Amino acid sequence: MIKIDFLADWAPRPSNDVNSLLQLFEDDLNYLKKIIRKIMQIVDARDYFYSIFQAMNYAGVSPFIATHDYCIKVKRCKEEDTVETNISPIYHLGLEYPDHYKIKHGKHLDKTAIVGLIEKPVAGTLPPGHTCYSYGVDAGILFQNSSIPHNKTLDLKLQKIPEGILASLSCDTQTSSLTISWKEIEIDSLDITKKEKNRAKTLPAEDWAKN
């Protein structure tokens, strides 16, 4: 599971890069958000986030491999079709945790850290109509001042290829890539070609020469 938020000023800056995939959608940011969300969801469904953290070397237990659930905050679109994000683990904590937190720290739990209720599997059977839940909590907010890092910068680079999009993840020293078809992200490749042609018509000839 992932929770995706887009921070202020995340959108790509105007550019004359005729090869930029992100720039094709600069006039429709809601659609671009949809594409980025869809790609992130596919990456998560294939467990690539967990895999890239699992491959890292740690001095002790890492918060990032204590869960398969993450909060992703899209910070900005950089050059070369790269999306810079902040990623943090989502902890599953008991419904009594806010009360324990107040007793221990003498203040209320930051409500922005609570992602929502998560259905919790339990051993045995429950009476009909009964379900167990836990709080999903953004550890990057809850433990942002911890000596153990609960936030990391993760870059997602998108490259248009004939089959669709080559998505490359980079975090610390680890990188991983996967191919995502146009069909998976619900985009018609002909629409991409049409957008590229329309964009080319709006650019000065000297910008084509640069590319």
N, C-alpha and C. Protein backbone atom coordinates (compact mmCIF):
# COMPACT_ATOMS: atom_id res chain seq x y z
N MET A 1 0.83 -1.19 0.00
CA MET A 1 0.00 0.00 0.00
C MET A 1 0.87 1.24 0.00
N ILE A 2 0.49 2.24 -0.76
CA ILE A 2 1.19 3.51 -0.73
C ILE A 2 0.17 4.65 -0.65
N LYS A 3 0.59 5.75 -0.04
CA LYS A 3 -0.19 6.97 -0.01
C LYS A 3 0.64 8.04 -0.72
N ILE A 4 0.05 8.67 -1.74
CA ILE A 4 0.78 9.63 -2.55
C ILE A 4 0.20 11.02 -2.37
N ASP A 5 1.06 11.98 -2.08
CA ASP A 5 0.67 13.38 -1.99
C ASP A 5 1.59 14.21 -2.90
N PHE A 6 1.03 15.26 -3.45
CA PHE A 6 1.80 16.18 -4.29
C PHE A 6 1.99 17.49 -3.52
N LEU A 7 3.23 17.86 -3.28
CA LEU A 7 3.51 19.08 -2.53
C LEU A 7 3.38 20.30 -3.44
N ALA A 8 3.32 21.48 -2.83
CA ALA A 8 3.25 22.72 -3.61
C ALA A 8 4.48 22.84 -4.50
N ASP A 9 4.29 23.40 -5.69
CA ASP A 9 5.39 23.62 -6.65
C ASP A 9 6.02 22.32 -7.15
N TRP A 10 5.25 21.24 -7.18
CA TRP A 10 5.79 19.97 -7.67
C TRP A 10 5.88 19.93 -9.19
N ALA A 11 5.08 20.73 -9.87
CA ALA A 11 4.90 20.61 -11.32
C ALA A 11 6.18 20.93 -12.08
N PRO A 12 6.31 20.35 -13.29
CA PRO A 12 7.51 20.63 -14.10
C PRO A 12 7.58 22.08 -14.52
N ARG A 13 8.78 22.65 -14.55
CA ARG A 13 8.98 24.01 -15.01
C ARG A 13 8.94 24.05 -16.54
N PRO A 14 8.49 25.16 -17.11
CA PRO A 14 8.46 25.27 -18.58
C PRO A 14 9.83 24.98 -19.17
N SER A 15 9.84 24.24 -20.25
CA SER A 15 11.10 23.85 -20.89
C SER A 15 10.87 23.69 -22.39
N ASN A 16 11.93 23.87 -23.14
CA ASN A 16 11.87 23.65 -24.59
C ASN A 16 12.47 22.30 -24.99
N ASP A 17 12.58 21.40 -24.03
CA ASP A 17 13.11 20.07 -24.30
C ASP A 17 12.06 19.26 -25.07
N VAL A 18 12.29 19.06 -26.34
CA VAL A 18 11.30 18.38 -27.18
C VAL A 18 11.19 16.89 -26.87
N ASN A 19 12.17 16.35 -26.13
CA ASN A 19 12.16 14.93 -25.82
C ASN A 19 11.57 14.63 -24.44
N SER A 20 11.14 15.67 -23.73
CA SER A 20 10.66 15.48 -22.36
C SER A 20 9.25 14.89 -22.33
N LEU A 21 9.12 13.77 -21.62
CA LEU A 21 7.81 13.14 -21.47
C LEU A 21 6.92 13.96 -20.53
N LEU A 22 7.49 14.44 -19.42
CA LEU A 22 6.71 15.22 -18.45
C LEU A 22 6.20 16.52 -19.05
N GLN A 23 7.01 17.13 -19.92
CA GLN A 23 6.62 18.40 -20.51
C GLN A 23 5.41 18.27 -21.44
N LEU A 24 5.16 17.07 -21.92
CA LEU A 24 4.01 16.87 -22.81
C LEU A 24 2.70 17.14 -22.08
N PHE A 25 2.72 17.03 -20.75
CA PHE A 25 1.48 17.17 -19.98
C PHE A 25 1.49 18.39 -19.08
N GLU A 26 2.40 19.35 -19.36
CA GLU A 26 2.50 20.52 -18.49
C GLU A 26 1.23 21.38 -18.52
N ASP A 27 0.43 21.22 -19.58
CA ASP A 27 -0.81 22.01 -19.66
C ASP A 27 -2.01 21.28 -19.06
N ASP A 28 -1.77 20.07 -18.52
CA ASP A 28 -2.85 19.30 -17.89
C ASP A 28 -2.26 18.58 -16.68
N LEU A 29 -2.07 19.34 -15.59
CA LEU A 29 -1.39 18.81 -14.42
C LEU A 29 -2.19 17.70 -13.74
N ASN A 30 -3.50 17.76 -13.80
CA ASN A 30 -4.31 16.71 -13.20
C ASN A 30 -4.08 15.37 -13.91
N TYR A 31 -3.94 15.44 -15.23
CA TYR A 31 -3.66 14.21 -15.98
C TYR A 31 -2.26 13.70 -15.69
N LEU A 32 -1.31 14.64 -15.54
CA LEU A 32 0.06 14.25 -15.21
C LEU A 32 0.10 13.60 -13.82
N LYS A 33 -0.66 14.16 -12.89
CA LYS A 33 -0.76 13.55 -11.56
C LYS A 33 -1.27 12.11 -11.67
N LYS A 34 -2.28 11.93 -12.50
CA LYS A 34 -2.86 10.60 -12.68
C LYS A 34 -1.82 9.62 -13.21
N ILE A 35 -1.01 10.08 -14.16
CA ILE A 35 0.02 9.21 -14.73
C ILE A 35 1.06 8.83 -13.68
N ILE A 36 1.54 9.83 -12.92
CA ILE A 36 2.55 9.58 -11.90
C ILE A 36 2.00 8.64 -10.83
N ARG A 37 0.74 8.87 -10.41
CA ARG A 37 0.12 7.99 -9.43
C ARG A 37 0.06 6.56 -9.95
N LYS A 38 -0.38 6.41 -11.20
CA LYS A 38 -0.53 5.08 -11.78
C LYS A 38 0.81 4.35 -11.83
N ILE A 39 1.85 5.07 -12.23
CA ILE A 39 3.18 4.45 -12.30
C ILE A 39 3.65 4.04 -10.91
N MET A 40 3.45 4.91 -9.92
CA MET A 40 3.84 4.59 -8.55
C MET A 40 3.08 3.37 -8.04
N GLN A 41 1.80 3.27 -8.36
CA GLN A 41 0.99 2.14 -7.91
C GLN A 41 1.47 0.83 -8.54
N ILE A 42 1.87 0.90 -9.80
CA ILE A 42 2.39 -0.30 -10.47
C ILE A 42 3.71 -0.71 -9.85
N VAL A 43 4.59 0.27 -9.58
CA VAL A 43 5.87 -0.01 -8.93
C VAL A 43 5.62 -0.68 -7.57
N ASP A 44 4.65 -0.16 -6.83
CA ASP A 44 4.33 -0.72 -5.52
C ASP A 44 3.76 -2.13 -5.65
N ALA A 45 2.86 -2.33 -6.62
CA ALA A 45 2.23 -3.64 -6.80
C ALA A 45 3.27 -4.72 -7.10
N ARG A 46 4.35 -4.32 -7.75
CA ARG A 46 5.43 -5.28 -8.06
C ARG A 46 6.48 -5.33 -6.94
N ASP A 47 6.20 -4.63 -5.84
CA ASP A 47 7.04 -4.65 -4.64
C ASP A 47 8.45 -4.10 -4.88
N TYR A 48 8.57 -3.16 -5.81
CA TYR A 48 9.89 -2.60 -6.11
C TYR A 48 10.39 -1.69 -4.99
N PHE A 49 9.49 -0.98 -4.31
CA PHE A 49 9.94 -0.11 -3.23
C PHE A 49 10.62 -0.93 -2.13
N TYR A 50 9.93 -1.98 -1.69
CA TYR A 50 10.50 -2.82 -0.64
C TYR A 50 11.80 -3.46 -1.10
N SER A 51 11.83 -3.90 -2.35
CA SER A 51 13.03 -4.59 -2.87
C SER A 51 14.26 -3.70 -2.87
N ILE A 52 14.06 -2.42 -3.23
CA ILE A 52 15.21 -1.52 -3.30
C ILE A 52 15.74 -1.22 -1.89
N PHE A 53 14.85 -1.16 -0.91
CA PHE A 53 15.30 -0.95 0.47
C PHE A 53 15.93 -2.21 1.05
N GLN A 54 15.42 -3.34 0.67
CA GLN A 54 15.95 -4.61 1.15
C GLN A 54 17.38 -4.83 0.68
N ALA A 55 17.72 -4.26 -0.49
CA ALA A 55 19.05 -4.45 -1.06
C ALA A 55 20.11 -3.56 -0.40
N MET A 56 19.68 -2.61 0.43
CA MET A 56 20.63 -1.70 1.08
C MET A 56 21.29 -2.37 2.28
N ASN A 57 22.46 -1.85 2.63
CA ASN A 57 23.17 -2.32 3.82
C ASN A 57 22.82 -1.44 5.01
N TYR A 58 22.47 -2.05 6.12
CA TYR A 58 22.07 -1.29 7.30
C TYR A 58 22.89 -1.72 8.51
N ALA A 59 23.14 -0.76 9.38
CA ALA A 59 23.75 -1.06 10.68
C ALA A 59 22.61 -1.21 11.68
N GLY A 60 21.97 -2.36 11.66
CA GLY A 60 20.80 -2.57 12.50
C GLY A 60 19.55 -2.73 11.66
N VAL A 61 18.39 -2.59 12.30
CA VAL A 61 17.11 -2.76 11.62
C VAL A 61 16.70 -1.45 10.96
N SER A 62 16.28 -1.50 9.72
CA SER A 62 15.83 -0.30 9.02
C SER A 62 14.31 -0.19 9.09
N PRO A 63 13.79 1.02 9.36
CA PRO A 63 12.33 1.22 9.34
C PRO A 63 11.72 0.90 7.98
N PHE A 64 12.54 0.98 6.92
CA PHE A 64 12.02 0.84 5.57
C PHE A 64 11.77 -0.62 5.18
N ILE A 65 12.32 -1.56 5.93
CA ILE A 65 12.04 -2.97 5.64
C ILE A 65 11.22 -3.60 6.77
N ALA A 66 10.68 -2.74 7.66
CA ALA A 66 9.78 -3.22 8.70
C ALA A 66 8.34 -3.22 8.20
N THR A 67 8.14 -2.77 6.97
CA THR A 67 6.81 -2.66 6.39
C THR A 67 6.90 -2.75 4.87
N HIS A 68 5.78 -2.99 4.23
CA HIS A 68 5.70 -2.91 2.77
C HIS A 68 4.85 -1.71 2.35
N ASP A 69 4.51 -0.85 3.30
CA ASP A 69 3.63 0.29 3.04
C ASP A 69 4.41 1.59 3.21
N TYR A 70 4.16 2.54 2.29
CA TYR A 70 4.97 3.76 2.29
C TYR A 70 4.13 5.00 1.96
N CYS A 71 4.56 6.14 2.52
CA CYS A 71 4.03 7.44 2.13
C CYS A 71 5.01 8.06 1.14
N ILE A 72 4.48 8.55 0.04
CA ILE A 72 5.32 9.17 -0.98
C ILE A 72 4.83 10.59 -1.21
N LYS A 73 5.73 11.53 -1.04
CA LYS A 73 5.41 12.94 -1.27
C LYS A 73 6.19 13.41 -2.49
N VAL A 74 5.46 13.76 -3.55
CA VAL A 74 6.10 14.24 -4.78
C VAL A 74 6.53 15.69 -4.56
N LYS A 75 7.84 15.93 -4.58
CA LYS A 75 8.37 17.25 -4.24
C LYS A 75 8.53 18.14 -5.46
N ARG A 76 9.07 17.58 -6.55
CA ARG A 76 9.27 18.39 -7.75
C ARG A 76 9.62 17.50 -8.92
N CYS A 77 9.41 18.05 -10.12
CA CYS A 77 9.83 17.39 -11.35
C CYS A 77 11.13 18.06 -11.80
N LYS A 78 12.18 17.27 -11.87
CA LYS A 78 13.49 17.81 -12.23
C LYS A 78 13.73 17.61 -13.72
N GLU A 79 14.93 17.97 -14.16
CA GLU A 79 15.29 17.77 -15.56
C GLU A 79 15.41 16.28 -15.86
N GLU A 80 15.43 15.99 -17.14
CA GLU A 80 15.58 14.62 -17.64
C GLU A 80 14.45 13.71 -17.14
N ASP A 81 13.23 14.27 -17.07
CA ASP A 81 12.04 13.49 -16.73
C ASP A 81 12.19 12.71 -15.42
N THR A 82 12.75 13.39 -14.43
CA THR A 82 12.94 12.77 -13.12
C THR A 82 12.01 13.42 -12.10
N VAL A 83 11.29 12.57 -11.36
CA VAL A 83 10.38 13.03 -10.31
C VAL A 83 11.06 12.78 -8.97
N GLU A 84 11.30 13.87 -8.23
CA GLU A 84 11.93 13.74 -6.91
C GLU A 84 10.86 13.60 -5.84
N THR A 85 10.99 12.58 -5.01
CA THR A 85 10.01 12.34 -3.96
C THR A 85 10.69 12.14 -2.61
N ASN A 86 9.89 12.29 -1.57
CA ASN A 86 10.29 11.86 -0.22
C ASN A 86 9.48 10.62 0.10
N ILE A 87 10.16 9.58 0.56
CA ILE A 87 9.46 8.34 0.90
C ILE A 87 9.71 8.01 2.36
N SER A 88 8.66 7.56 3.04
CA SER A 88 8.75 7.20 4.45
C SER A 88 7.86 5.98 4.71
N PRO A 89 8.23 5.16 5.68
CA PRO A 89 7.43 3.95 5.95
C PRO A 89 6.13 4.27 6.68
N ILE A 90 5.13 3.45 6.45
CA ILE A 90 3.88 3.52 7.20
C ILE A 90 3.89 2.41 8.25
N TYR A 91 3.81 2.81 9.51
CA TYR A 91 3.73 1.84 10.59
C TYR A 91 2.27 1.51 10.89
N HIS A 92 2.01 0.27 11.28
CA HIS A 92 0.69 -0.15 11.72
C HIS A 92 0.69 -0.16 13.25
N LEU A 93 -0.02 0.77 13.86
CA LEU A 93 -0.01 0.91 15.31
C LEU A 93 -1.42 0.73 15.86
N GLY A 94 -1.52 0.23 17.07
CA GLY A 94 -2.80 -0.04 17.70
C GLY A 94 -3.64 1.22 17.88
N LEU A 95 -4.93 1.03 17.97
CA LEU A 95 -5.84 2.16 18.11
C LEU A 95 -5.63 2.91 19.43
N GLU A 96 -4.96 2.27 20.37
CA GLU A 96 -4.68 2.92 21.65
C GLU A 96 -3.40 3.77 21.59
N TYR A 97 -2.70 3.71 20.46
CA TYR A 97 -1.40 4.39 20.39
C TYR A 97 -1.48 5.90 20.66
N PRO A 98 -2.46 6.64 20.11
CA PRO A 98 -2.52 8.09 20.41
C PRO A 98 -2.57 8.39 21.90
N ASP A 99 -3.28 7.55 22.67
CA ASP A 99 -3.35 7.76 24.12
C ASP A 99 -1.99 7.48 24.77
N HIS A 100 -1.34 6.41 24.34
CA HIS A 100 -0.01 6.11 24.86
C HIS A 100 0.98 7.22 24.53
N TYR A 101 0.86 7.75 23.31
CA TYR A 101 1.75 8.82 22.87
C TYR A 101 1.59 10.05 23.76
N LYS A 102 0.35 10.40 24.07
CA LYS A 102 0.09 11.58 24.91
C LYS A 102 0.66 11.38 26.31
N ILE A 103 0.50 10.18 26.86
CA ILE A 103 1.03 9.89 28.19
C ILE A 103 2.55 9.97 28.20
N LYS A 104 3.17 9.41 27.15
CA LYS A 104 4.63 9.34 27.10
C LYS A 104 5.26 10.69 26.81
N HIS A 105 4.66 11.47 25.90
CA HIS A 105 5.28 12.71 25.44
C HIS A 105 4.62 13.98 25.99
N GLY A 106 3.48 13.82 26.63
CA GLY A 106 2.81 14.98 27.20
C GLY A 106 2.17 15.89 26.18
N LYS A 107 1.91 15.37 25.00
CA LYS A 107 1.25 16.16 23.95
C LYS A 107 0.51 15.22 23.02
N HIS A 108 -0.41 15.81 22.25
CA HIS A 108 -1.19 15.00 21.33
C HIS A 108 -0.35 14.58 20.12
N LEU A 109 -0.68 13.44 19.59
CA LEU A 109 -0.07 12.96 18.36
C LEU A 109 -0.43 13.87 17.20
N ASP A 110 0.54 14.22 16.38
CA ASP A 110 0.30 15.05 15.20
C ASP A 110 -0.68 14.31 14.28
N LYS A 111 -1.86 14.89 14.11
CA LYS A 111 -2.91 14.22 13.32
C LYS A 111 -2.52 14.04 11.86
N THR A 112 -1.62 14.89 11.36
CA THR A 112 -1.20 14.75 9.95
C THR A 112 -0.40 13.47 9.73
N ALA A 113 0.07 12.86 10.83
CA ALA A 113 0.84 11.62 10.72
C ALA A 113 -0.06 10.42 10.50
N ILE A 114 -1.35 10.55 10.83
CA ILE A 114 -2.26 9.41 10.71
C ILE A 114 -2.76 9.30 9.27
N VAL A 115 -2.38 8.22 8.62
CA VAL A 115 -2.78 7.98 7.23
C VAL A 115 -4.23 7.52 7.16
N GLY A 116 -4.65 6.70 8.12
CA GLY A 116 -6.01 6.20 8.14
C GLY A 116 -6.08 4.87 8.87
N LEU A 117 -7.24 4.26 8.82
CA LEU A 117 -7.44 2.96 9.45
C LEU A 117 -7.08 1.85 8.47
N ILE A 118 -6.39 0.84 8.97
CA ILE A 118 -6.00 -0.29 8.14
C ILE A 118 -6.58 -1.56 8.75
N GLU A 119 -7.27 -2.33 7.93
CA GLU A 119 -7.83 -3.59 8.41
C GLU A 119 -6.70 -4.53 8.77
N LYS A 120 -6.79 -5.11 9.94
CA LYS A 120 -5.70 -5.92 10.47
C LYS A 120 -6.09 -7.40 10.50
N PRO A 121 -5.30 -8.25 9.84
CA PRO A 121 -5.59 -9.69 9.90
C PRO A 121 -5.34 -10.22 11.31
N VAL A 122 -6.21 -11.08 11.76
CA VAL A 122 -6.05 -11.66 13.10
C VAL A 122 -6.20 -13.17 13.01
N ALA A 123 -5.54 -13.83 13.95
CA ALA A 123 -5.63 -15.29 13.99
C ALA A 123 -7.03 -15.71 14.47
N GLY A 124 -7.50 -16.82 13.97
CA GLY A 124 -8.80 -17.30 14.39
C GLY A 124 -9.92 -16.62 13.64
N THR A 125 -11.10 -16.74 14.14
CA THR A 125 -12.26 -16.15 13.48
C THR A 125 -12.92 -15.13 14.39
N LEU A 126 -13.50 -14.12 13.79
CA LEU A 126 -14.23 -13.10 14.53
C LEU A 126 -15.73 -13.31 14.34
N PRO A 127 -16.53 -12.86 15.29
CA PRO A 127 -17.98 -12.94 15.10
C PRO A 127 -18.39 -12.16 13.85
N PRO A 128 -19.47 -12.55 13.21
CA PRO A 128 -19.93 -11.84 12.00
C PRO A 128 -20.08 -10.34 12.27
N GLY A 129 -19.60 -9.53 11.34
CA GLY A 129 -19.73 -8.09 11.46
C GLY A 129 -18.63 -7.43 12.26
N HIS A 130 -17.65 -8.20 12.75
CA HIS A 130 -16.55 -7.64 13.54
C HIS A 130 -15.25 -7.65 12.73
N THR A 131 -14.54 -6.55 12.77
CA THR A 131 -13.27 -6.43 12.07
C THR A 131 -12.27 -5.72 12.97
N CYS A 132 -11.01 -6.11 12.91
CA CYS A 132 -9.96 -5.46 13.69
C CYS A 132 -9.21 -4.45 12.81
N TYR A 133 -8.90 -3.32 13.39
CA TYR A 133 -8.19 -2.28 12.66
C TYR A 133 -6.99 -1.79 13.45
N SER A 134 -6.05 -1.19 12.72
CA SER A 134 -4.94 -0.48 13.34
C SER A 134 -4.81 0.86 12.64
N TYR A 135 -4.08 1.77 13.25
CA TYR A 135 -3.81 3.05 12.60
C TYR A 135 -2.61 2.89 11.66
N GLY A 136 -2.76 3.40 10.45
CA GLY A 136 -1.61 3.55 9.57
C GLY A 136 -0.99 4.91 9.85
N VAL A 137 0.28 4.94 10.26
CA VAL A 137 0.92 6.18 10.68
C VAL A 137 2.17 6.44 9.85
N ASP A 138 2.28 7.66 9.34
CA ASP A 138 3.45 8.07 8.56
C ASP A 138 4.63 8.25 9.52
N ALA A 139 5.55 7.27 9.51
CA ALA A 139 6.69 7.32 10.43
C ALA A 139 7.62 8.49 10.11
N GLY A 140 7.58 8.96 8.86
CA GLY A 140 8.42 10.09 8.48
C GLY A 140 8.03 11.37 9.19
N ILE A 141 6.75 11.48 9.55
CA ILE A 141 6.27 12.63 10.34
C ILE A 141 6.42 12.35 11.82
N LEU A 142 5.99 11.16 12.24
CA LEU A 142 5.99 10.81 13.65
C LEU A 142 7.41 10.77 14.23
N PHE A 143 8.36 10.25 13.46
CA PHE A 143 9.72 10.09 13.95
C PHE A 143 10.72 10.90 13.13
N GLN A 144 10.31 12.08 12.69
CA GLN A 144 11.19 12.89 11.84
C GLN A 144 12.45 13.37 12.56
N ASN A 145 12.42 13.41 13.88
CA ASN A 145 13.59 13.85 14.64
C ASN A 145 14.37 12.69 15.24
N SER A 146 14.02 11.49 14.85
CA SER A 146 14.71 10.31 15.37
C SER A 146 16.14 10.24 14.85
N SER A 147 17.01 9.61 15.64
CA SER A 147 18.40 9.41 15.19
C SER A 147 18.47 8.38 14.06
N ILE A 148 17.41 7.58 13.93
CA ILE A 148 17.31 6.62 12.81
C ILE A 148 16.48 7.27 11.71
N PRO A 149 17.03 7.47 10.52
CA PRO A 149 16.28 8.15 9.45
C PRO A 149 15.00 7.42 9.07
N HIS A 150 13.91 8.18 9.04
CA HIS A 150 12.61 7.64 8.61
C HIS A 150 12.13 8.31 7.32
N ASN A 151 12.99 9.12 6.72
CA ASN A 151 12.69 9.78 5.44
C ASN A 151 13.88 9.60 4.52
N LYS A 152 13.58 9.30 3.26
CA LYS A 152 14.62 9.20 2.24
C LYS A 152 14.16 9.89 0.96
N THR A 153 15.14 10.39 0.22
CA THR A 153 14.85 10.93 -1.10
C THR A 153 14.88 9.80 -2.12
N LEU A 154 13.82 9.66 -2.89
CA LEU A 154 13.74 8.63 -3.92
C LEU A 154 13.38 9.31 -5.24
N ASP A 155 14.21 9.10 -6.25
CA ASP A 155 13.97 9.66 -7.57
C ASP A 155 13.35 8.62 -8.49
N LEU A 156 12.37 9.06 -9.25
CA LEU A 156 11.73 8.21 -10.25
C LEU A 156 11.98 8.85 -11.62
N LYS A 157 12.79 8.19 -12.43
CA LYS A 157 13.10 8.71 -13.77
C LYS A 157 12.26 7.95 -14.79
N LEU A 158 11.62 8.71 -15.70
CA LEU A 158 10.73 8.11 -16.70
C LEU A 158 11.33 8.29 -18.08
N GLN A 159 11.41 7.21 -18.82
CA GLN A 159 11.95 7.25 -20.18
C GLN A 159 10.98 6.58 -21.14
N LYS A 160 10.60 7.30 -22.18
CA LYS A 160 9.68 6.74 -23.18
C LYS A 160 10.43 5.75 -24.07
N ILE A 161 9.89 4.55 -24.16
CA ILE A 161 10.44 3.51 -25.03
C ILE A 161 9.29 2.96 -25.88
N PRO A 162 9.58 2.22 -26.95
CA PRO A 162 8.50 1.72 -27.81
C PRO A 162 7.43 0.92 -27.06
N GLU A 163 7.86 0.16 -26.04
CA GLU A 163 6.91 -0.68 -25.30
C GLU A 163 6.06 0.11 -24.32
N GLY A 164 6.51 1.32 -23.98
CA GLY A 164 5.80 2.12 -22.98
C GLY A 164 6.75 3.05 -22.27
N ILE A 165 6.92 2.84 -20.96
CA ILE A 165 7.79 3.69 -20.14
C ILE A 165 8.76 2.81 -19.37
N LEU A 166 10.03 3.21 -19.39
CA LEU A 166 11.04 2.59 -18.54
C LEU A 166 11.14 3.44 -17.28
N ALA A 167 10.71 2.90 -16.16
CA ALA A 167 10.72 3.61 -14.89
C ALA A 167 11.93 3.16 -14.08
N SER A 168 12.79 4.12 -13.69
CA SER A 168 13.99 3.80 -12.93
C SER A 168 13.93 4.46 -11.57
N LEU A 169 14.10 3.66 -10.52
CA LEU A 169 14.10 4.16 -9.15
C LEU A 169 15.53 4.31 -8.66
N SER A 170 15.81 5.41 -7.96
CA SER A 170 17.13 5.63 -7.36
C SER A 170 16.94 6.12 -5.93
N CYS A 171 17.61 5.44 -5.00
CA CYS A 171 17.56 5.85 -3.60
C CYS A 171 18.89 5.47 -2.96
N ASP A 172 19.55 6.45 -2.36
CA ASP A 172 20.90 6.24 -1.83
C ASP A 172 21.78 5.70 -2.97
N THR A 173 22.36 4.53 -2.78
CA THR A 173 23.24 3.97 -3.81
C THR A 173 22.55 2.90 -4.65
N GLN A 174 21.26 2.67 -4.39
CA GLN A 174 20.55 1.60 -5.08
C GLN A 174 19.71 2.13 -6.24
N THR A 175 19.69 1.38 -7.33
CA THR A 175 18.83 1.71 -8.47
C THR A 175 18.12 0.44 -8.94
N SER A 176 16.96 0.61 -9.51
CA SER A 176 16.19 -0.51 -10.03
C SER A 176 15.28 0.01 -11.13
N SER A 177 15.04 -0.80 -12.14
CA SER A 177 14.23 -0.35 -13.28
C SER A 177 13.20 -1.41 -13.65
N LEU A 178 12.09 -0.93 -14.21
CA LEU A 178 11.07 -1.84 -14.71
C LEU A 178 10.38 -1.19 -15.90
N THR A 179 9.89 -2.03 -16.80
CA THR A 179 9.17 -1.55 -17.98
C THR A 179 7.67 -1.61 -17.71
N ILE A 180 6.99 -0.50 -18.02
CA ILE A 180 5.54 -0.41 -17.82
C ILE A 180 4.90 -0.10 -19.18
N SER A 181 3.96 -0.92 -19.60
CA SER A 181 3.34 -0.73 -20.91
C SER A 181 2.39 0.45 -20.89
N TRP A 182 2.11 0.99 -22.09
CA TRP A 182 1.14 2.07 -22.20
C TRP A 182 -0.22 1.63 -21.69
N LYS A 183 -0.55 0.38 -21.96
CA LYS A 183 -1.86 -0.14 -21.54
C LYS A 183 -1.99 -0.13 -20.02
N GLU A 184 -0.90 -0.47 -19.32
CA GLU A 184 -0.95 -0.53 -17.86
C GLU A 184 -1.23 0.83 -17.24
N ILE A 185 -0.70 1.88 -17.87
CA ILE A 185 -0.95 3.22 -17.33
C ILE A 185 -2.11 3.91 -18.05
N GLU A 186 -2.82 3.13 -18.85
CA GLU A 186 -4.06 3.57 -19.49
C GLU A 186 -3.83 4.79 -20.38
N ILE A 187 -2.77 4.72 -21.19
CA ILE A 187 -2.46 5.78 -22.16
C ILE A 187 -2.36 5.16 -23.54
N ASP A 188 -2.94 5.81 -24.52
CA ASP A 188 -2.83 5.38 -25.91
C ASP A 188 -1.53 5.95 -26.47
N SER A 189 -0.64 5.09 -26.96
CA SER A 189 0.65 5.56 -27.49
C SER A 189 0.46 6.54 -28.65
N LEU A 190 -0.67 6.43 -29.35
CA LEU A 190 -0.94 7.36 -30.45
C LEU A 190 -1.18 8.77 -29.90
N ASP A 191 -1.76 8.85 -28.70
CA ASP A 191 -1.97 10.16 -28.08
C ASP A 191 -0.63 10.82 -27.75
N ILE A 192 0.34 9.99 -27.31
CA ILE A 192 1.67 10.52 -27.02
C ILE A 192 2.30 11.08 -28.28
N THR A 193 2.21 10.31 -29.37
CA THR A 193 2.77 10.76 -30.64
C THR A 193 2.12 12.06 -31.10
N LYS A 194 0.81 12.15 -30.94
CA LYS A 194 0.08 13.36 -31.32
C LYS A 194 0.52 14.56 -30.48
N LYS A 195 0.69 14.34 -29.18
CA LYS A 195 1.14 15.41 -28.30
C LYS A 195 2.54 15.87 -28.68
N GLU A 196 3.40 14.94 -29.04
CA GLU A 196 4.77 15.29 -29.43
C GLU A 196 4.76 16.15 -30.68
N LYS A 197 3.91 15.81 -31.64
CA LYS A 197 3.84 16.58 -32.87
C LYS A 197 3.28 17.98 -32.61
N ASN A 198 2.27 18.05 -31.77
CA ASN A 198 1.69 19.35 -31.45
C ASN A 198 2.67 20.22 -30.69
N ARG A 199 3.44 19.60 -29.80
CA ARG A 199 4.43 20.36 -29.04
C ARG A 199 5.53 20.89 -29.96
N ALA A 200 5.92 20.05 -30.92
CA ALA A 200 6.97 20.45 -31.86
C ALA A 200 6.57 21.70 -32.65
N LYS A 201 5.27 21.81 -32.96
CA LYS A 201 4.80 22.95 -33.74
C LYS A 201 4.90 24.26 -32.96
N THR A 202 4.90 24.15 -31.62
CA THR A 202 4.90 25.37 -30.80
C THR A 202 6.31 25.84 -30.46
N LEU A 203 7.32 25.03 -30.79
CA LEU A 203 8.69 25.39 -30.43
C LEU A 203 9.42 26.06 -31.59
N PRO A 204 10.25 27.06 -31.29
CA PRO A 204 11.05 27.69 -32.34
C PRO A 204 12.00 26.68 -32.97
N ALA A 205 12.37 26.94 -34.21
CA ALA A 205 13.24 26.02 -34.95
C ALA A 205 14.58 25.84 -34.25
N GLU A 206 15.09 26.90 -33.60
CA GLU A 206 16.40 26.78 -32.96
C GLU A 206 16.37 25.81 -31.78
N ASP A 207 15.19 25.62 -31.14
CA ASP A 207 15.11 24.66 -30.06
C ASP A 207 15.18 23.23 -30.55
N TRP A 208 14.66 22.99 -31.76
CA TRP A 208 14.82 21.67 -32.36
C TRP A 208 16.29 21.40 -32.63
N ALA A 209 17.01 22.41 -33.06
CA ALA A 209 18.42 22.24 -33.37
C ALA A 209 19.22 21.86 -32.13
N LYS A 210 18.81 22.41 -30.98
CA LYS A 210 19.51 22.10 -29.74
C LYS A 210 19.31 20.66 -29.32
N ASN A 211 18.21 20.07 -29.73
CA ASN A 211 17.90 18.70 -29.30
C ASN A 211 18.23 17.69 -30.38
